[in-house]
Amino acid sequence: MADQGLRTDPQNWDTLTPQQVLHTLAYELYHPVSILGSQLNRLIAEDDPLTEDDYERIFEQMQDAVRQLSRTVVHLKQYAQAHTSPAQSDADAVA
């Protein structure tokens, strides 16, 4: 998969403002979601026969996209935990 838009170095989200987190989140989600959508469309398209090599490349690209989404979710979760007030954490634990 082309590494366009993929972050290999984890950004310390704790230093970002909420607006910067939203911008970063949109940036980091766009590419892997786009890859997943386009590759899924290729898999289900009936007019474009795929070779075994095509299938391997598609699944590799989809796995890379899922890994990137997982990293982004981890960063977002860590950011949310770091920016949750104690009262909010208690309320979440009760719910």
PDB file of N, CA and C in Angstrom:
ATOM      1  N   MET A   1       0.856  -1.179   0.000  1.00  0.00           N
ATOM      2  CA  MET A   1       0.000   0.000   0.000  1.00  0.00           C
ATOM      3  C   MET A   1       0.884   1.218   0.000  1.00  0.00           C
ATOM      4  N   ALA A   2       0.516   2.202  -0.742  1.00  0.00           N
ATOM      5  CA  ALA A   2       1.251   3.453  -0.722  1.00  0.00           C
ATOM      6  C   ALA A   2       1.131   4.072   0.656  1.00  0.00           C
ATOM      7  N   ASP A   3       2.228   4.611   1.127  1.00  0.00           N
ATOM      8  CA  ASP A   3       2.241   5.144   2.483  1.00  0.00           C
ATOM      9  C   ASP A   3       1.728   6.577   2.562  1.00  0.00           C
ATOM     10  N   GLN A   4       1.024   7.023   1.553  1.00  0.00           N
ATOM     11  CA  GLN A   4       0.475   8.364   1.587  1.00  0.00           C
ATOM     12  C   GLN A   4      -0.514   8.481   2.718  1.00  0.00           C
ATOM     13  N   GLY A   5      -0.311   9.465   3.572  1.00  0.00           N
ATOM     14  CA  GLY A   5      -1.252   9.709   4.642  1.00  0.00           C
ATOM     15  C   GLY A   5      -1.052   8.839   5.861  1.00  0.00           C
ATOM     16  N   LEU A   6      -0.173   7.844   5.778  1.00  0.00           N
ATOM     17  CA  LEU A   6       0.052   6.986   6.931  1.00  0.00           C
ATOM     18  C   LEU A   6       1.109   7.598   7.825  1.00  0.00           C
ATOM     19  N   ARG A   7       0.862   7.528   9.113  1.00  0.00           N
ATOM     20  CA  ARG A   7       1.815   8.056  10.079  1.00  0.00           C
ATOM     21  C   ARG A   7       2.614   6.888  10.636  1.00  0.00           C
ATOM     22  N   THR A   8       3.922   6.955  10.506  1.00  0.00           N
ATOM     23  CA  THR A   8       4.746   5.907  11.090  1.00  0.00           C
ATOM     24  C   THR A   8       5.236   6.317  12.472  1.00  0.00           C
ATOM     25  N   ASP A   9       5.304   7.602  12.714  1.00  0.00           N
ATOM     26  CA  ASP A   9       5.718   8.076  14.032  1.00  0.00           C
ATOM     27  C   ASP A   9       4.480   8.532  14.793  1.00  0.00           C
ATOM     28  N   PRO A  10       4.230   7.935  15.968  1.00  0.00           N
ATOM     29  CA  PRO A  10       3.035   8.340  16.707  1.00  0.00           C
ATOM     30  C   PRO A  10       3.170   9.782  17.196  1.00  0.00           C
ATOM     31  N   GLN A  11       2.166  10.539  16.929  1.00  0.00           N
ATOM     32  CA  GLN A  11       2.146  11.927  17.366  1.00  0.00           C
ATOM     33  C   GLN A  11       1.639  11.966  18.796  1.00  0.00           C
ATOM     34  N   ASN A  12       2.240  12.797  19.610  1.00  0.00           N
ATOM     35  CA  ASN A  12       1.790  12.936  20.987  1.00  0.00           C
ATOM     36  C   ASN A  12       0.548  13.817  21.005  1.00  0.00           C
ATOM     37  N   TRP A  13      -0.595  13.182  21.008  1.00  0.00           N
ATOM     38  CA  TRP A  13      -1.853  13.910  20.950  1.00  0.00           C
ATOM     39  C   TRP A  13      -2.097  14.731  22.211  1.00  0.00           C
ATOM     40  N   ASP A  14      -1.444  14.383  23.307  1.00  0.00           N
ATOM     41  CA  ASP A  14      -1.666  15.107  24.565  1.00  0.00           C
ATOM     42  C   ASP A  14      -1.317  16.583  24.453  1.00  0.00           C
ATOM     43  N   THR A  15      -0.433  16.932  23.533  1.00  0.00           N
ATOM     44  CA  THR A  15      -0.015  18.326  23.397  1.00  0.00           C
ATOM     45  C   THR A  15      -0.915  19.109  22.445  1.00  0.00           C
ATOM     46  N   LEU A  16      -1.888  18.437  21.839  1.00  0.00           N
ATOM     47  CA  LEU A  16      -2.753  19.093  20.862  1.00  0.00           C
ATOM     48  C   LEU A  16      -3.993  19.688  21.519  1.00  0.00           C
ATOM     49  N   THR A  17      -4.481  20.746  20.915  1.00  0.00           N
ATOM     50  CA  THR A  17      -5.756  21.309  21.338  1.00  0.00           C
ATOM     51  C   THR A  17      -6.874  20.414  20.793  1.00  0.00           C
ATOM     52  N   PRO A  18      -8.074  20.514  21.351  1.00  0.00           N
ATOM     53  CA  PRO A  18      -9.183  19.707  20.803  1.00  0.00           C
ATOM     54  C   PRO A  18      -9.389  19.936  19.303  1.00  0.00           C
ATOM     55  N   GLN A  19      -9.246  21.166  18.839  1.00  0.00           N
ATOM     56  CA  GLN A  19      -9.404  21.454  17.404  1.00  0.00           C
ATOM     57  C   GLN A  19      -8.318  20.747  16.593  1.00  0.00           C
ATOM     58  N   GLN A  20      -7.090  20.742  17.094  1.00  0.00           N
ATOM     59  CA  GLN A  20      -5.997  20.059  16.404  1.00  0.00           C
ATOM     60  C   GLN A  20      -6.217  18.548  16.388  1.00  0.00           C
ATOM     61  N   VAL A  21      -6.778  18.011  17.465  1.00  0.00           N
ATOM     62  CA  VAL A  21      -7.079  16.579  17.511  1.00  0.00           C
ATOM     63  C   VAL A  21      -8.111  16.229  16.443  1.00  0.00           C
ATOM     64  N   LEU A  22      -9.141  17.041  16.312  1.00  0.00           N
ATOM     65  CA  LEU A  22     -10.155  16.786  15.283  1.00  0.00           C
ATOM     66  C   LEU A  22      -9.544  16.831  13.883  1.00  0.00           C
ATOM     67  N   HIS A  23      -8.687  17.814  13.645  1.00  0.00           N
ATOM     68  CA  HIS A  23      -8.020  17.930  12.343  1.00  0.00           C
ATOM     69  C   HIS A  23      -7.140  16.704  12.090  1.00  0.00           C
ATOM     70  N   THR A  24      -6.361  16.315  13.081  1.00  0.00           N
ATOM     71  CA  THR A  24      -5.475  15.156  12.962  1.00  0.00           C
ATOM     72  C   THR A  24      -6.286  13.889  12.759  1.00  0.00           C
ATOM     73  N   LEU A  25      -7.364  13.750  13.490  1.00  0.00           N
ATOM     74  CA  LEU A  25      -8.218  12.572  13.379  1.00  0.00           C
ATOM     75  C   LEU A  25      -8.796  12.455  11.963  1.00  0.00           C
ATOM     76  N   ALA A  26      -9.315  13.546  11.442  1.00  0.00           N
ATOM     77  CA  ALA A  26      -9.865  13.528  10.085  1.00  0.00           C
ATOM     78  C   ALA A  26      -8.777  13.157   9.073  1.00  0.00           C
ATOM     79  N   TYR A  27      -7.597  13.709   9.253  1.00  0.00           N
ATOM     80  CA  TYR A  27      -6.480  13.430   8.346  1.00  0.00           C
ATOM     81  C   TYR A  27      -6.089  11.953   8.407  1.00  0.00           C
ATOM     82  N   GLU A  28      -5.986  11.418   9.615  1.00  0.00           N
ATOM     83  CA  GLU A  28      -5.528  10.043   9.781  1.00  0.00           C
ATOM     84  C   GLU A  28      -6.591   9.011   9.416  1.00  0.00           C
ATOM     85  N   LEU A  29      -7.848   9.362   9.480  1.00  0.00           N
ATOM     86  CA  LEU A  29      -8.912   8.423   9.122  1.00  0.00           C
ATOM     87  C   LEU A  29      -9.171   8.387   7.619  1.00  0.00           C
ATOM     88  N   TYR A  30      -8.963   9.496   6.950  1.00  0.00           N
ATOM     89  CA  TYR A  30      -9.338   9.616   5.545  1.00  0.00           C
ATOM     90  C   TYR A  30      -8.680   8.547   4.666  1.00  0.00           C
ATOM     91  N   HIS A  31      -7.381   8.424   4.745  1.00  0.00           N
ATOM     92  CA  HIS A  31      -6.670   7.515   3.842  1.00  0.00           C
ATOM     93  C   HIS A  31      -7.049   6.044   4.054  1.00  0.00           C
ATOM     94  N   PRO A  32      -6.974   5.520   5.283  1.00  0.00           N
ATOM     95  CA  PRO A  32      -7.317   4.096   5.427  1.00  0.00           C
ATOM     96  C   PRO A  32      -8.779   3.789   5.093  1.00  0.00           C
ATOM     97  N   VAL A  33      -9.688   4.692   5.413  1.00  0.00           N
ATOM     98  CA  VAL A  33     -11.095   4.461   5.083  1.00  0.00           C
ATOM     99  C   VAL A  33     -11.275   4.478   3.562  1.00  0.00           C
ATOM    100  N   SER A  34     -10.587   5.380   2.896  1.00  0.00           N
ATOM    101  CA  SER A  34     -10.646   5.457   1.442  1.00  0.00           C
ATOM    102  C   SER A  34     -10.100   4.182   0.803  1.00  0.00           C
ATOM    103  N   ILE A  35      -8.972   3.694   1.314  1.00  0.00           N
ATOM    104  CA  ILE A  35      -8.377   2.456   0.796  1.00  0.00           C
ATOM    105  C   ILE A  35      -9.341   1.281   0.993  1.00  0.00           C
ATOM    106  N   LEU A  36      -9.898   1.173   2.200  1.00  0.00           N
ATOM    107  CA  LEU A  36     -10.828   0.068   2.473  1.00  0.00           C
ATOM    108  C   LEU A  36     -12.020   0.108   1.525  1.00  0.00           C
ATOM    109  N   GLY A  37     -12.570   1.287   1.323  1.00  0.00           N
ATOM    110  CA  GLY A  37     -13.724   1.419   0.429  1.00  0.00           C
ATOM    111  C   GLY A  37     -13.394   1.057  -1.004  1.00  0.00           C
ATOM    112  N   SER A  38     -12.287   1.567  -1.510  1.00  0.00           N
ATOM    113  CA  SER A  38     -11.951   1.300  -2.909  1.00  0.00           C
ATOM    114  C   SER A  38     -11.576  -0.162  -3.127  1.00  0.00           C
ATOM    115  N   GLN A  39     -10.861  -0.754  -2.184  1.00  0.00           N
ATOM    116  CA  GLN A  39     -10.467  -2.149  -2.346  1.00  0.00           C
ATOM    117  C   GLN A  39     -11.665  -3.086  -2.173  1.00  0.00           C
ATOM    118  N   LEU A  40     -12.554  -2.754  -1.274  1.00  0.00           N
ATOM    119  CA  LEU A  40     -13.771  -3.557  -1.123  1.00  0.00           C
ATOM    120  C   LEU A  40     -14.594  -3.503  -2.414  1.00  0.00           C
ATOM    121  N   ASN A  41     -14.682  -2.329  -3.006  1.00  0.00           N
ATOM    122  CA  ASN A  41     -15.395  -2.203  -4.280  1.00  0.00           C
ATOM    123  C   ASN A  41     -14.751  -3.060  -5.361  1.00  0.00           C
ATOM    124  N   ARG A  42     -13.421  -3.114  -5.377  1.00  0.00           N
ATOM    125  CA  ARG A  42     -12.734  -3.964  -6.363  1.00  0.00           C
ATOM    126  C   ARG A  42     -13.069  -5.435  -6.136  1.00  0.00           C
ATOM    127  N   LEU A  43     -13.144  -5.839  -4.863  1.00  0.00           N
ATOM    128  CA  LEU A  43     -13.431  -7.242  -4.561  1.00  0.00           C
ATOM    129  C   LEU A  43     -14.831  -7.663  -4.988  1.00  0.00           C
ATOM    130  N   ILE A  44     -15.787  -6.754  -4.867  1.00  0.00           N
ATOM    131  CA  ILE A  44     -17.170  -7.133  -5.176  1.00  0.00           C
ATOM    132  C   ILE A  44     -17.576  -6.784  -6.607  1.00  0.00           C
ATOM    133  N   ALA A  45     -16.720  -6.075  -7.326  1.00  0.00           N
ATOM    134  CA  ALA A  45     -17.042  -5.723  -8.716  1.00  0.00           C
ATOM    135  C   ALA A  45     -17.043  -6.980  -9.576  1.00  0.00           C
ATOM    136  N   GLU A  46     -18.055  -7.100 -10.378  1.00  0.00           N
ATOM    137  CA  GLU A  46     -18.178  -8.279 -11.231  1.00  0.00           C
ATOM    138  C   GLU A  46     -17.550  -8.080 -12.599  1.00  0.00           C
ATOM    139  N   ASP A  47     -17.247  -6.854 -12.965  1.00  0.00           N
ATOM    140  CA  ASP A  47     -16.753  -6.573 -14.307  1.00  0.00           C
ATOM    141  C   ASP A  47     -15.231  -6.575 -14.409  1.00  0.00           C
ATOM    142  N   ASP A  48     -14.525  -6.768 -13.296  1.00  0.00           N
ATOM    143  CA  ASP A  48     -13.067  -6.716 -13.306  1.00  0.00           C
ATOM    144  C   ASP A  48     -12.501  -7.999 -12.686  1.00  0.00           C
ATOM    145  N   PRO A  49     -12.213  -9.013 -13.530  1.00  0.00           N
ATOM    146  CA  PRO A  49     -11.680 -10.252 -12.971  1.00  0.00           C
ATOM    147  C   PRO A  49     -10.324 -10.010 -12.306  1.00  0.00           C
ATOM    148  N   LEU A  50     -10.154 -10.586 -11.126  1.00  0.00           N
ATOM    149  CA  LEU A  50      -8.926 -10.393 -10.362  1.00  0.00           C
ATOM    150  C   LEU A  50      -8.087 -11.663 -10.372  1.00  0.00           C
ATOM    151  N   THR A  51      -6.786 -11.465 -10.398  1.00  0.00           N
ATOM    152  CA  THR A  51      -5.872 -12.599 -10.308  1.00  0.00           C
ATOM    153  C   THR A  51      -5.595 -12.880  -8.833  1.00  0.00           C
ATOM    154  N   GLU A  52      -4.938 -13.997  -8.587  1.00  0.00           N
ATOM    155  CA  GLU A  52      -4.567 -14.332  -7.213  1.00  0.00           C
ATOM    156  C   GLU A  52      -3.635 -13.267  -6.632  1.00  0.00           C
ATOM    157  N   ASP A  53      -2.722 -12.759  -7.465  1.00  0.00           N
ATOM    158  CA  ASP A  53      -1.831 -11.684  -7.011  1.00  0.00           C
ATOM    159  C   ASP A  53      -2.614 -10.423  -6.651  1.00  0.00           C
ATOM    160  N   ASP A  54      -3.652 -10.123  -7.435  1.00  0.00           N
ATOM    161  CA  ASP A  54      -4.503  -8.972  -7.128  1.00  0.00           C
ATOM    162  C   ASP A  54      -5.156  -9.139  -5.755  1.00  0.00           C
ATOM    163  N   TYR A  55      -5.682 -10.340  -5.513  1.00  0.00           N
ATOM    164  CA  TYR A  55      -6.312 -10.605  -4.217  1.00  0.00           C
ATOM    165  C   TYR A  55      -5.319 -10.418  -3.080  1.00  0.00           C
ATOM    166  N   GLU A  56      -4.120 -10.925  -3.247  1.00  0.00           N
ATOM    167  CA  GLU A  56      -3.102 -10.786  -2.202  1.00  0.00           C
ATOM    168  C   GLU A  56      -2.783  -9.324  -1.934  1.00  0.00           C
ATOM    169  N   ARG A  57      -2.616  -8.532  -2.998  1.00  0.00           N
ATOM    170  CA  ARG A  57      -2.314  -7.101  -2.829  1.00  0.00           C
ATOM    171  C   ARG A  57      -3.474  -6.369  -2.162  1.00  0.00           C
ATOM    172  N   ILE A  58      -4.688  -6.696  -2.585  1.00  0.00           N
ATOM    173  CA  ILE A  58      -5.866  -6.043  -2.018  1.00  0.00           C
ATOM    174  C   ILE A  58      -5.967  -6.340  -0.520  1.00  0.00           C
ATOM    175  N   PHE A  59      -5.807  -7.607  -0.159  1.00  0.00           N
ATOM    176  CA  PHE A  59      -5.919  -7.959   1.256  1.00  0.00           C
ATOM    177  C   PHE A  59      -4.773  -7.359   2.072  1.00  0.00           C
ATOM    178  N   GLU A  60      -3.597  -7.281   1.496  1.00  0.00           N
ATOM    179  CA  GLU A  60      -2.476  -6.642   2.192  1.00  0.00           C
ATOM    180  C   GLU A  60      -2.768  -5.159   2.430  1.00  0.00           C
ATOM    181  N   GLN A  61      -3.291  -4.493   1.406  1.00  0.00           N
ATOM    182  CA  GLN A  61      -3.634  -3.077   1.552  1.00  0.00           C
ATOM    183  C   GLN A  61      -4.736  -2.886   2.591  1.00  0.00           C
ATOM    184  N   MET A  62      -5.709  -3.782   2.591  1.00  0.00           N
ATOM    185  CA  MET A  62      -6.795  -3.674   3.561  1.00  0.00           C
ATOM    186  C   MET A  62      -6.278  -3.925   4.980  1.00  0.00           C
ATOM    187  N   GLN A  63      -5.370  -4.881   5.145  1.00  0.00           N
ATOM    188  CA  GLN A  63      -4.782  -5.131   6.463  1.00  0.00           C
ATOM    189  C   GLN A  63      -3.985  -3.922   6.944  1.00  0.00           C
ATOM    190  N   ASP A  64      -3.223  -3.296   6.047  1.00  0.00           N
ATOM    191  CA  ASP A  64      -2.474  -2.094   6.417  1.00  0.00           C
ATOM    192  C   ASP A  64      -3.411  -0.969   6.850  1.00  0.00           C
ATOM    193  N   ALA A  65      -4.523  -0.829   6.138  1.00  0.00           N
ATOM    194  CA  ALA A  65      -5.489   0.214   6.471  1.00  0.00           C
ATOM    195  C   ALA A  65      -6.116  -0.045   7.841  1.00  0.00           C
ATOM    196  N   VAL A  66      -6.444  -1.293   8.129  1.00  0.00           N
ATOM    197  CA  VAL A  66      -7.017  -1.635   9.433  1.00  0.00           C
ATOM    198  C   VAL A  66      -6.000  -1.379  10.548  1.00  0.00           C
ATOM    199  N   ARG A  67      -4.734  -1.709  10.310  1.00  0.00           N
ATOM    200  CA  ARG A  67      -3.704  -1.427  11.314  1.00  0.00           C
ATOM    201  C   ARG A  67      -3.589   0.076  11.575  1.00  0.00           C
ATOM    202  N   GLN A  68      -3.654   0.890  10.512  1.00  0.00           N
ATOM    203  CA  GLN A  68      -3.587   2.337  10.693  1.00  0.00           C
ATOM    204  C   GLN A  68      -4.803   2.838  11.478  1.00  0.00           C
ATOM    205  N   LEU A  69      -5.976   2.322  11.166  1.00  0.00           N
ATOM    206  CA  LEU A  69      -7.170   2.708  11.916  1.00  0.00           C
ATOM    207  C   LEU A  69      -7.045   2.315  13.384  1.00  0.00           C
ATOM    208  N   SER A  70      -6.477   1.152  13.640  1.00  0.00           N
ATOM    209  CA  SER A  70      -6.284   0.702  15.024  1.00  0.00           C
ATOM    210  C   SER A  70      -5.346   1.642  15.775  1.00  0.00           C
ATOM    211  N   ARG A  71      -4.254   2.047  15.137  1.00  0.00           N
ATOM    212  CA  ARG A  71      -3.319   2.987  15.784  1.00  0.00           C
ATOM    213  C   ARG A  71      -4.002   4.319  16.077  1.00  0.00           C
ATOM    214  N   THR A  72      -4.796   4.782  15.138  1.00  0.00           N
ATOM    215  CA  THR A  72      -5.495   6.053  15.332  1.00  0.00           C
ATOM    216  C   THR A  72      -6.486   5.943  16.482  1.00  0.00           C
ATOM    217  N   VAL A  73      -7.201   4.832  16.573  1.00  0.00           N
ATOM    218  CA  VAL A  73      -8.156   4.632  17.669  1.00  0.00           C
ATOM    219  C   VAL A  73      -7.414   4.605  19.010  1.00  0.00           C
ATOM    220  N   VAL A  74      -6.251   3.963  19.060  1.00  0.00           N
ATOM    221  CA  VAL A  74      -5.471   3.933  20.295  1.00  0.00           C
ATOM    222  C   VAL A  74      -5.057   5.349  20.698  1.00  0.00           C
ATOM    223  N   HIS A  75      -4.587   6.144  19.736  1.00  0.00           N
ATOM    224  CA  HIS A  75      -4.210   7.530  20.039  1.00  0.00           C
ATOM    225  C   HIS A  75      -5.400   8.325  20.546  1.00  0.00           C
ATOM    226  N   LEU A  76      -6.552   8.144  19.903  1.00  0.00           N
ATOM    227  CA  LEU A  76      -7.754   8.865  20.311  1.00  0.00           C
ATOM    228  C   LEU A  76      -8.201   8.433  21.703  1.00  0.00           C
ATOM    229  N   LYS A  77      -8.135   7.151  21.983  1.00  0.00           N
ATOM    230  CA  LYS A  77      -8.525   6.651  23.298  1.00  0.00           C
ATOM    231  C   LYS A  77      -7.599   7.209  24.385  1.00  0.00           C
ATOM    232  N   GLN A  78      -6.293   7.206  24.119  1.00  0.00           N
ATOM    233  CA  GLN A  78      -5.344   7.754  25.085  1.00  0.00           C
ATOM    234  C   GLN A  78      -5.598   9.240  25.315  1.00  0.00           C
ATOM    235  N   TYR A  79      -5.886   9.962  24.243  1.00  0.00           N
ATOM    236  CA  TYR A  79      -6.183  11.392  24.364  1.00  0.00           C
ATOM    237  C   TYR A  79      -7.437  11.598  25.207  1.00  0.00           C
ATOM    238  N   ALA A  80      -8.469  10.828  24.923  1.00  0.00           N
ATOM    239  CA  ALA A  80      -9.728  10.973  25.663  1.00  0.00           C
ATOM    240  C   ALA A  80      -9.531  10.658  27.140  1.00  0.00           C
ATOM    241  N   GLN A  81      -8.773   9.615  27.443  1.00  0.00           N
ATOM    242  CA  GLN A  81      -8.520   9.263  28.834  1.00  0.00           C
ATOM    243  C   GLN A  81      -7.714  10.344  29.547  1.00  0.00           C
ATOM    244  N   ALA A  82      -6.762  10.926  28.858  1.00  0.00           N
ATOM    245  CA  ALA A  82      -5.920  11.962  29.463  1.00  0.00           C
ATOM    246  C   ALA A  82      -6.691  13.259  29.684  1.00  0.00           C
ATOM    247  N   HIS A  83      -7.758  13.462  28.921  1.00  0.00           N
ATOM    248  CA  HIS A  83      -8.511  14.712  29.009  1.00  0.00           C
ATOM    249  C   HIS A  83      -9.892  14.528  29.615  1.00  0.00           C
ATOM    250  N   THR A  84     -10.079  13.455  30.346  1.00  0.00           N
ATOM    251  CA  THR A  84     -11.334  13.215  31.041  1.00  0.00           C
ATOM    252  C   THR A  84     -11.187  13.669  32.484  1.00  0.00           C
ATOM    253  N   SER A  85     -12.134  14.463  32.932  1.00  0.00           N
ATOM    254  CA  SER A  85     -12.084  14.930  34.317  1.00  0.00           C
ATOM    255  C   SER A  85     -12.417  13.763  35.252  1.00  0.00           C
ATOM    256  N   PRO A  86     -11.938  13.798  36.496  1.00  0.00           N
ATOM    257  CA  PRO A  86     -12.242  12.715  37.444  1.00  0.00           C
ATOM    258  C   PRO A  86     -13.746  12.490  37.612  1.00  0.00           C
ATOM    259  N   ALA A  87     -14.534  13.551  37.660  1.00  0.00           N
ATOM    260  CA  ALA A  87     -15.984  13.411  37.804  1.00  0.00           C
ATOM    261  C   ALA A  87     -16.582  12.701  36.598  1.00  0.00           C
ATOM    262  N   GLN A  88     -16.058  12.998  35.409  1.00  0.00           N
ATOM    263  CA  GLN A  88     -16.544  12.376  34.199  1.00  0.00           C
ATOM    264  C   GLN A  88     -16.181  10.894  34.189  1.00  0.00           C
ATOM    265  N   SER A  89     -14.988  10.540  34.675  1.00  0.00           N
ATOM    266  CA  SER A  89     -14.558   9.135  34.743  1.00  0.00           C
ATOM    267  C   SER A  89     -15.459   8.343  35.680  1.00  0.00           C
ATOM    268  N   ASP A  90     -15.824   8.952  36.830  1.00  0.00           N
ATOM    269  CA  ASP A  90     -16.714   8.280  37.769  1.00  0.00           C
ATOM    270  C   ASP A  90     -18.090   8.042  37.157  1.00  0.00           C
ATOM    271  N   ALA A  91     -18.608   9.024  36.433  1.00  0.00           N
ATOM    272  CA  ALA A  91     -19.916   8.900  35.785  1.00  0.00           C
ATOM    273  C   ALA A  91     -19.883   7.809  34.719  1.00  0.00           C
ATOM    274  N   ASP A  92     -18.795   7.728  33.970  1.00  0.00           N
ATOM    275  CA  ASP A  92     -18.654   6.701  32.939  1.00  0.00           C
ATOM    276  C   ASP A  92     -18.571   5.315  33.571  1.00  0.00           C
ATOM    277  N   ALA A  93     -17.924   5.203  34.714  1.00  0.00           N
ATOM    278  CA  ALA A  93     -17.783   3.912  35.380  1.00  0.00           C
ATOM    279  C   ALA A  93     -19.126   3.410  35.880  1.00  0.00           C
ATOM    280  N   VAL A  94     -20.002   4.324  36.324  1.00  0.00           N
ATOM    281  CA  VAL A  94     -21.323   3.949  36.824  1.00  0.00           C
ATOM    282  C   VAL A  94     -22.214   3.502  35.675  1.00  0.00           C
ATOM    283  N   ALA A  95     -22.108   4.157  34.525  1.00  0.00           N
ATOM    284  CA  ALA A  95     -22.959   3.839  33.376  1.00  0.00           C
ATOM    285  C   ALA A  95     -22.547   2.572  32.764  1.00  0.00           C
TER     286      ALA A  95
END
